[in-house]
Amino acid sequence: MPVTTRVVLISFALLLSACSSRAPAPQPTYSPPVSSSSYQGGAEDVLFRALGLVGTPYRYGGNTPDGGFDCSGLIGYVYRDAAGISLPRSTRELSAMRVPNVRRDALQSGDLVFFATNGGRTVSHAGIYVGEGRFVHAPSTGGTVRLDSLAGGYWQGVYLDAKRILTPELARNP
C-alpha cells in the first residue's frame, strides 16, 4: 500500500475517533434579562413571595407549594413566580451562575446565599436572603420552609458565598 494512502487512512481514522469523543459538559450559565421591560418583579416581590412560603413542607425534588420544596426548588419557584426569571435547578448550577458575587456585609434582599452543609467548600444548600441577617430556605426532610439567621452558629459556620440575581438595572419596576 502506498505511503500516501496509509497517511490518508490514518488521518481519516484519527478524524473519526476525534469526532466520536464526548464533548465536555457545558458549564451552566445564567444571564439576567437585558432590559427591565422583560422583568416582572423586584427584590420586594421576591422577599414577600419567599416569606409567604414559610411553613411549606420540605420534599426532596419538590418545586411547588402544593408538593413541597427542596432548597433549589424553592429558589426556582420564587424567582419564576415573583420575578419571571427562570434559574437553574440544582444548588451547584445556581452557585456556578455568571452573576455578581456579593460580600456577606453587602447582602441585599433577593440575593442567593450558599452553604456547604456536607463539609468542605462544596455547595450543598442555598437560600434567599430577605434582609436583617436572615434568609428563607427549605432545610431538610421532615422540616418545612423556614426563616433562619446567618449569624446562627450552624449557618455561620457553613456559609460559603452569595450571588446577586437582581441587578440594579432589574431592581427597578418597569
Protein backbone atom coordinates (compact mmCIF):
# COMPACT_ATOMS: atom_id res chain seq x y z
CA MET A 1 0.00 0.00 0.00
CA PRO A 2 1.47 3.38 -0.99
CA VAL A 3 2.57 5.77 1.78
CA THR A 4 0.09 8.48 0.78
CA THR A 5 -2.80 6.02 1.05
CA ARG A 6 -1.63 4.98 4.52
CA VAL A 7 -1.38 8.64 5.61
CA VAL A 8 -4.88 9.35 4.28
CA LEU A 9 -6.32 6.27 6.06
CA ILE A 10 -4.58 7.10 9.36
CA SER A 11 -5.72 10.73 9.12
CA PHE A 12 -9.26 9.58 8.39
CA ALA A 13 -9.22 7.18 11.35
CA LEU A 14 -7.91 9.91 13.67
CA LEU A 15 -10.57 12.30 12.43
CA LEU A 16 -13.31 9.75 13.08
CA SER A 17 -12.01 8.96 16.55
CA ALA A 18 -11.90 12.66 17.41
CA CYS A 19 -15.49 13.08 16.25
CA SER A 20 -16.66 10.19 18.37
CA SER A 21 -15.21 11.53 21.60
CA ARG A 22 -17.59 13.12 24.05
CA ALA A 23 -17.60 16.90 24.25
CA PRO A 24 -17.13 18.40 27.70
CA ALA A 25 -20.35 19.14 29.55
CA PRO A 26 -21.36 22.78 29.16
CA GLN A 27 -20.99 24.94 32.24
CA PRO A 28 -24.32 26.26 33.50
CA THR A 29 -24.72 29.91 32.73
CA TYR A 30 -27.35 32.44 33.51
CA SER A 31 -27.68 35.92 32.18
CA PRO A 32 -30.41 38.12 33.61
CA PRO A 33 -32.80 39.70 31.12
CA VAL A 34 -31.11 42.64 29.42
CA SER A 35 -33.87 45.18 29.82
CA SER A 36 -36.15 45.93 32.70
CA SER A 37 -39.12 45.71 30.32
CA SER A 38 -38.81 41.91 30.39
CA TYR A 39 -38.57 41.89 34.17
CA GLN A 40 -41.82 41.41 36.05
CA GLY A 41 -40.92 41.98 39.70
CA GLY A 42 -38.41 43.36 42.17
CA ALA A 43 -36.49 42.34 45.25
CA GLU A 44 -39.52 43.23 47.36
CA ASP A 45 -41.68 40.81 45.34
CA VAL A 46 -39.09 38.06 45.82
CA LEU A 47 -38.89 38.84 49.54
CA PHE A 48 -42.66 38.69 50.08
CA ARG A 49 -43.10 35.55 47.97
CA ALA A 50 -40.31 33.73 49.83
CA LEU A 51 -41.66 34.75 53.25
CA GLY A 52 -45.15 33.69 52.20
CA LEU A 53 -43.91 30.13 51.67
CA VAL A 54 -42.58 29.71 55.22
CA GLY A 55 -44.22 26.60 56.66
CA THR A 56 -44.47 24.75 53.32
CA PRO A 57 -43.30 21.14 53.78
CA TYR A 58 -39.83 20.06 52.63
CA ARG A 59 -39.78 17.48 49.85
CA TYR A 60 -36.64 16.30 48.08
CA GLY A 61 -37.01 17.28 44.42
CA GLY A 62 -40.05 19.39 45.23
CA ASN A 63 -40.66 22.66 43.43
CA THR A 64 -44.26 23.70 44.10
CA PRO A 65 -46.17 24.92 47.17
CA ASP A 66 -48.62 22.01 46.82
CA GLY A 67 -45.94 19.33 46.52
CA GLY A 68 -43.34 20.87 48.83
CA PHE A 69 -39.87 22.23 48.18
CA ASP A 70 -36.24 21.36 48.42
CA CYS A 71 -33.85 24.32 48.64
CA SER A 72 -33.23 24.83 44.93
CA GLY A 73 -36.86 24.11 44.07
CA LEU A 74 -37.92 26.86 46.46
CA ILE A 75 -35.49 29.34 44.90
CA GLY A 76 -36.58 28.47 41.36
CA TYR A 77 -40.26 28.76 42.23
CA VAL A 78 -39.89 32.11 44.00
CA TYR A 79 -37.88 33.70 41.19
CA ARG A 80 -40.17 32.35 38.48
CA ASP A 81 -43.35 33.36 40.31
CA ALA A 82 -42.27 36.73 41.73
CA ALA A 83 -39.81 37.97 39.13
CA GLY A 84 -40.44 35.99 35.94
CA ILE A 85 -36.85 34.70 35.99
CA SER A 86 -36.00 31.05 35.30
CA LEU A 87 -32.98 29.77 37.21
CA PRO A 88 -31.01 26.51 37.07
CA ARG A 89 -32.46 23.65 39.14
CA SER A 90 -29.58 22.48 41.34
CA THR A 91 -27.60 24.30 44.04
CA ARG A 92 -24.39 23.51 42.16
CA GLU A 93 -25.75 25.11 38.99
CA LEU A 94 -27.12 28.09 40.95
CA SER A 95 -23.73 28.70 42.55
CA ALA A 96 -22.00 28.46 39.14
CA MET A 97 -24.15 31.16 37.53
CA ARG A 98 -22.26 34.03 35.98
CA VAL A 99 -23.86 36.76 38.04
CA PRO A 100 -22.22 39.12 40.55
CA ASN A 101 -20.79 37.62 43.73
CA VAL A 102 -21.78 39.51 46.87
CA ARG A 103 -19.76 40.03 50.03
CA ARG A 104 -21.56 38.96 53.16
CA ASP A 105 -21.59 42.53 54.50
CA ALA A 106 -23.23 43.77 51.27
CA LEU A 107 -26.16 41.33 51.08
CA GLN A 108 -29.50 42.67 49.85
CA SER A 109 -32.98 41.16 49.80
CA GLY A 110 -33.26 38.65 46.99
CA ASP A 111 -29.59 37.61 46.97
CA LEU A 112 -28.93 33.87 46.98
CA VAL A 113 -26.84 32.55 49.86
CA PHE A 114 -24.89 29.28 49.60
CA PHE A 115 -23.74 26.80 52.23
CA ALA A 116 -21.50 23.74 52.50
CA THR A 117 -23.67 21.62 54.79
CA ASN A 118 -21.76 18.45 53.88
CA GLY A 119 -18.43 19.91 54.98
CA GLY A 120 -15.59 21.25 52.88
CA ARG A 121 -16.10 24.02 50.32
CA THR A 122 -18.63 22.31 48.04
CA VAL A 123 -22.03 23.95 47.89
CA SER A 124 -24.84 21.69 49.06
CA HIS A 125 -27.56 24.10 50.25
CA ALA A 126 -28.95 27.50 49.29
CA GLY A 127 -31.48 30.06 50.43
CA ILE A 128 -32.86 33.51 49.65
CA TYR A 129 -31.60 36.42 51.73
CA VAL A 130 -34.50 38.54 52.99
CA GLY A 131 -32.67 41.23 54.98
CA GLU A 132 -31.64 41.89 58.57
CA GLY A 133 -29.24 38.94 58.52
CA ARG A 134 -31.98 36.40 57.75
CA PHE A 135 -32.73 34.01 54.91
CA VAL A 136 -35.58 31.73 53.80
CA HIS A 137 -34.76 28.15 52.86
CA ALA A 138 -36.08 24.59 52.71
CA PRO A 139 -33.65 22.86 55.08
CA SER A 140 -34.28 19.13 55.36
CA THR A 141 -36.51 16.11 55.18
CA GLY A 142 -39.25 16.24 57.79
CA GLY A 143 -38.94 20.02 58.07
CA THR A 144 -40.63 22.99 56.46
CA VAL A 145 -39.55 26.11 54.63
CA ARG A 146 -38.30 28.43 57.34
CA LEU A 147 -36.59 31.69 58.21
CA ASP A 148 -33.15 31.44 59.80
CA SER A 149 -30.34 33.78 60.81
CA LEU A 150 -26.98 33.82 59.04
CA ALA A 151 -25.47 34.71 62.40
CA GLY A 152 -26.70 31.45 63.93
CA GLY A 153 -23.79 29.24 64.93
CA TYR A 154 -24.52 26.48 62.44
CA TRP A 155 -25.28 28.66 59.41
CA GLN A 156 -22.38 30.98 60.12
CA GLY A 157 -20.03 28.00 60.15
CA VAL A 158 -21.18 26.52 56.83
CA TYR A 159 -21.72 29.78 54.90
CA LEU A 160 -19.83 29.88 51.58
CA ASP A 161 -20.85 32.88 49.49
CA ALA A 162 -23.69 34.76 47.82
CA LYS A 163 -24.84 35.78 44.34
CA ARG A 164 -26.96 38.70 43.18
CA ILE A 165 -29.64 37.76 40.68
CA LEU A 166 -31.50 41.06 40.77
CA THR A 167 -29.01 43.58 39.44
CA PRO A 168 -29.68 47.32 39.84
CA GLU A 169 -31.00 47.55 36.28
CA LEU A 170 -33.54 44.84 37.07
CA ALA A 171 -34.46 46.07 40.53
CA ARG A 172 -36.41 48.98 39.07
CA ASN A 173 -40.00 48.17 38.38
CA PRO A 174 -40.90 48.65 34.68
